[in-house]
């Protein structure tokens, strides 16, 4: 399953659900860095991979993968708009994970 988030700035993020159960959801998130004349995403850069669990525990790896599959965690954020989109993205992923798990966050773990 994949979907687009935060497309309001013309680019946004393409999100792929990699694993899904009642207890966790794993995502790969690609920043859309270019579109063709029809508006289709044509240039994607891996922004982050993450796993969000039923108890609100989250694991994030930022940036492109190295040849050996590792990620160094470096993330380039350019300006206030990028910061705001970054925080909005994390919030939306958290909410979407619980929706996909079919459950509510634990007490005091709601957004």
Foldseek 3Di string as FASTA:
>chain_A
DWDFPPCVVLWGKIKDFPDAELFKTKIWIWTQPDADPVSHRDDTFTAWIKMATQQRDMDIAGGDADPVRHGPRDHDQDDPVSVVSVVVVVLVVNVVTCVRSVHAHDPPNHD
